[in-house]
């Protein structure tokens, strides 16, 4: 320390000092590595996407009676919907009950608007929107949705029944 006596004022002046700090190294933290189980190299096969469904004649009293065909999902066909529960203004066919032993209600329109001609995905959406489903091939062939309006009875109607498309090669 240095003392000064200027005009009766005493000041205490500190000298600068350097302090050395030594930091001790921290001990290493032990790390345990657990091997991960091997990832399987085989993957389960992806199921084929259904690209074809059956279309069936809209009513058994028409020229197309009993006819079915395999249709690509992108084709356009008329839509009739079926329900296992009663729906207001939907038709329950007695021939359907006698053939299948259960009640099925069918419709081709909602209110005054026909379901129309659509691809398969759109047909499924239309039926789901009214709380129903596409009719099965069997339901269409036994008239569960026949005579439900819109004039689709002599048309080929989308069904929920998957179809198998077999490409036949011509002999050369």
Protein backbone atom coordinates (compact mmCIF):
# COMPACT_ATOMS: atom_id res chain seq x y z
CA UNK A 1 0.00 0.00 0.00
CA UNK A 2 1.06 3.55 -0.66
CA UNK A 3 0.03 6.52 1.48
CA UNK A 4 -0.24 10.02 0.14
CA UNK A 5 -0.61 13.27 2.06
CA UNK A 6 -1.78 15.90 -0.33
CA UNK A 7 -3.68 18.85 1.30
CA UNK A 8 -4.70 16.83 4.26
CA UNK A 9 -6.48 14.16 2.19
CA UNK A 10 -5.34 10.74 2.76
CA UNK A 11 -6.03 8.19 0.06
CA UNK A 12 -5.47 4.57 0.17
CA UNK A 13 -4.14 3.40 -3.19
CA UNK A 14 -4.05 -0.26 -3.94
CA UNK A 15 -1.44 -1.74 -6.12
CA UNK A 16 -2.47 -3.99 -8.91
CA UNK A 17 -1.78 -7.58 -8.28
CA UNK A 18 -2.07 -10.63 -10.41
CA UNK A 19 -3.50 -13.79 -9.02
CA UNK A 20 -2.80 -17.05 -10.73
CA UNK A 21 -5.65 -19.55 -10.67
CA UNK A 22 -4.97 -23.15 -11.36
CA UNK A 23 -7.90 -25.25 -12.54
CA UNK A 24 -7.66 -28.92 -11.84
CA UNK A 25 -8.90 -31.14 -14.71
CA UNK A 26 -12.22 -32.87 -14.10
CA UNK A 27 -12.15 -36.63 -14.15
CA UNK A 28 -13.70 -38.20 -17.27
CA UNK A 29 -17.31 -39.40 -17.03
CA UNK A 30 -17.60 -43.08 -17.89
CA UNK A 31 -19.89 -43.68 -20.92
CA UNK A 32 -21.51 -47.04 -21.41
CA UNK A 33 -22.53 -47.88 -24.97
CA UNK A 34 -25.35 -50.37 -25.31
CA UNK A 35 -25.54 -51.92 -28.76
CA UNK A 36 -28.92 -51.53 -30.49
CA UNK A 37 -30.64 -54.65 -31.75
CA UNK A 38 -30.19 -55.26 -35.46
CA UNK A 39 -32.87 -53.90 -37.78
CA UNK A 40 -34.62 -56.66 -39.73
CA UNK A 41 -33.57 -56.65 -43.34
CA UNK A 42 -36.74 -58.30 -44.60
CA UNK A 43 -39.91 -56.29 -44.95
CA UNK A 44 -43.38 -57.76 -44.93
CA UNK A 45 -44.86 -57.79 -48.43
CA UNK A 46 -47.15 -54.89 -49.23
CA UNK A 47 -50.60 -56.15 -50.20
CA UNK A 48 -51.69 -55.48 -53.73
CA UNK A 49 -54.00 -52.53 -54.13
CA UNK A 50 -57.34 -53.60 -55.51
CA UNK A 51 -57.52 -52.07 -58.95
CA UNK A 52 -60.64 -53.84 -60.19
CA UNK A 53 -64.13 -54.33 -58.80
CA UNK A 54 -67.16 -56.09 -60.16
CA UNK A 55 -69.97 -54.20 -61.82
CA UNK A 56 -73.35 -55.88 -62.06
CA UNK A 57 -76.63 -55.34 -63.86
CA UNK A 58 -78.91 -52.92 -62.02
CA UNK A 59 -82.01 -55.15 -62.09
CA UNK A 60 -82.95 -58.72 -62.96
CA UNK A 61 -85.84 -57.64 -65.24
CA UNK A 62 -83.55 -55.87 -67.72
CA UNK A 63 -81.64 -57.01 -70.81
CA UNK A 64 -78.43 -57.17 -68.75
CA UNK A 65 -80.03 -59.61 -66.27
CA UNK A 66 -77.42 -61.62 -64.34
CA UNK A 67 -74.51 -59.96 -66.11
CA UNK A 68 -71.35 -59.04 -64.19
CA UNK A 69 -68.05 -57.73 -65.41
CA UNK A 70 -64.66 -56.74 -64.02
CA UNK A 71 -64.06 -53.00 -64.17
CA UNK A 72 -60.95 -50.92 -63.53
CA UNK A 73 -61.42 -48.49 -60.61
CA UNK A 74 -60.97 -45.54 -62.98
CA UNK A 75 -63.87 -46.51 -65.23
CA UNK A 76 -67.15 -44.66 -64.90
CA UNK A 77 -70.29 -46.55 -63.87
CA UNK A 78 -73.61 -45.77 -62.22
CA UNK A 79 -73.91 -45.84 -58.43
CA UNK A 80 -76.47 -47.50 -56.18
CA UNK A 81 -75.94 -47.68 -52.44
CA UNK A 82 -77.04 -50.29 -49.89
CA UNK A 83 -77.64 -50.14 -46.15
CA UNK A 84 -78.20 -52.82 -43.52
CA UNK A 85 -80.39 -50.40 -41.57
CA UNK A 86 -83.60 -48.69 -42.57
CA UNK A 87 -83.22 -45.26 -44.15
CA UNK A 88 -85.95 -42.76 -44.90
CA UNK A 89 -87.08 -42.97 -48.55
CA UNK A 90 -84.89 -46.01 -49.26
CA UNK A 91 -86.37 -49.15 -50.77
CA UNK A 92 -86.36 -52.56 -49.10
CA UNK A 93 -86.80 -55.30 -51.69
CA UNK A 94 -88.74 -58.44 -50.78
CA UNK A 95 -86.74 -60.44 -53.36
CA UNK A 96 -83.55 -59.37 -51.58
CA UNK A 97 -84.90 -60.56 -48.23
CA UNK A 98 -85.98 -63.93 -49.64
CA UNK A 99 -82.70 -64.49 -51.53
CA UNK A 100 -80.30 -63.38 -48.80
CA UNK A 101 -82.36 -63.92 -45.67
CA UNK A 102 -81.69 -60.40 -44.41
CA UNK A 103 -82.93 -56.89 -44.88
CA UNK A 104 -81.05 -54.57 -47.20
CA UNK A 105 -82.23 -51.11 -48.21
CA UNK A 106 -81.18 -49.62 -51.55
CA UNK A 107 -81.11 -46.19 -53.16
CA UNK A 108 -79.89 -44.48 -56.32
CA UNK A 109 -80.36 -40.92 -55.17
CA UNK A 110 -80.40 -38.58 -52.21
CA UNK A 111 -83.53 -36.49 -52.23
CA UNK A 112 -84.08 -35.74 -55.92
CA UNK A 113 -80.41 -35.89 -56.88
CA UNK A 114 -79.15 -39.09 -58.51
CA UNK A 115 -75.79 -40.46 -57.35
CA UNK A 116 -74.66 -40.40 -60.97
CA UNK A 117 -71.87 -41.91 -63.01
CA UNK A 118 -68.56 -42.03 -61.14
CA UNK A 119 -65.29 -43.86 -60.70
CA UNK A 120 -65.08 -46.46 -57.92
CA UNK A 121 -63.48 -44.24 -55.25
CA UNK A 122 -66.03 -41.49 -55.82
CA UNK A 123 -68.85 -44.06 -55.68
CA UNK A 124 -67.64 -45.27 -52.27
CA UNK A 125 -67.49 -41.68 -51.01
CA UNK A 126 -71.04 -40.94 -52.22
CA UNK A 127 -72.41 -43.97 -50.37
CA UNK A 128 -70.43 -43.23 -47.20
CA UNK A 129 -71.73 -39.65 -47.25
CA UNK A 130 -75.30 -40.94 -46.93
CA UNK A 131 -74.37 -43.44 -44.19
CA UNK A 132 -74.36 -46.43 -46.52
CA UNK A 133 -71.99 -48.51 -48.66
CA UNK A 134 -71.73 -49.81 -52.19
CA UNK A 135 -73.92 -52.85 -52.71
CA UNK A 136 -72.19 -56.21 -53.08
CA UNK A 137 -72.34 -58.01 -56.39
CA UNK A 138 -74.75 -60.51 -54.82
CA UNK A 139 -77.08 -57.75 -53.55
CA UNK A 140 -77.22 -56.17 -57.00
CA UNK A 141 -77.96 -59.48 -58.73
CA UNK A 142 -80.89 -60.26 -56.39
CA UNK A 143 -82.38 -56.76 -56.82
CA UNK A 144 -81.63 -55.23 -53.41
CA UNK A 145 -81.30 -51.83 -55.08
CA UNK A 146 -83.50 -52.36 -58.15
CA UNK A 147 -86.17 -49.82 -59.12
CA UNK A 148 -84.75 -47.13 -56.85
CA UNK A 149 -85.02 -44.34 -59.41
CA UNK A 150 -82.65 -42.58 -61.80
CA UNK A 151 -83.09 -45.18 -64.58
CA UNK A 152 -80.00 -47.21 -63.65
CA UNK A 153 -81.66 -50.64 -63.76
CA UNK A 154 -80.32 -51.46 -67.24
CA UNK A 155 -76.84 -50.16 -66.43
CA UNK A 156 -73.76 -51.80 -64.97
CA UNK A 157 -73.52 -50.67 -61.34
CA UNK A 158 -70.41 -50.47 -59.16
CA UNK A 159 -70.22 -53.10 -56.43
CA UNK A 160 -67.99 -53.44 -53.36
CA UNK A 161 -66.92 -56.89 -54.56
CA UNK A 162 -63.27 -56.96 -55.64
CA UNK A 163 -62.66 -58.34 -59.10
CA UNK A 164 -59.70 -60.23 -60.47
CA UNK A 165 -58.46 -58.99 -63.79
CA UNK A 166 -56.56 -61.57 -65.73
CA UNK A 167 -54.67 -60.43 -68.76
CA UNK A 168 -54.85 -63.11 -71.41
CA UNK A 169 -51.97 -63.13 -73.84
CA UNK A 170 -52.81 -63.78 -77.43
CA UNK A 171 -50.90 -66.53 -79.13
CA UNK A 172 -48.61 -65.24 -81.86
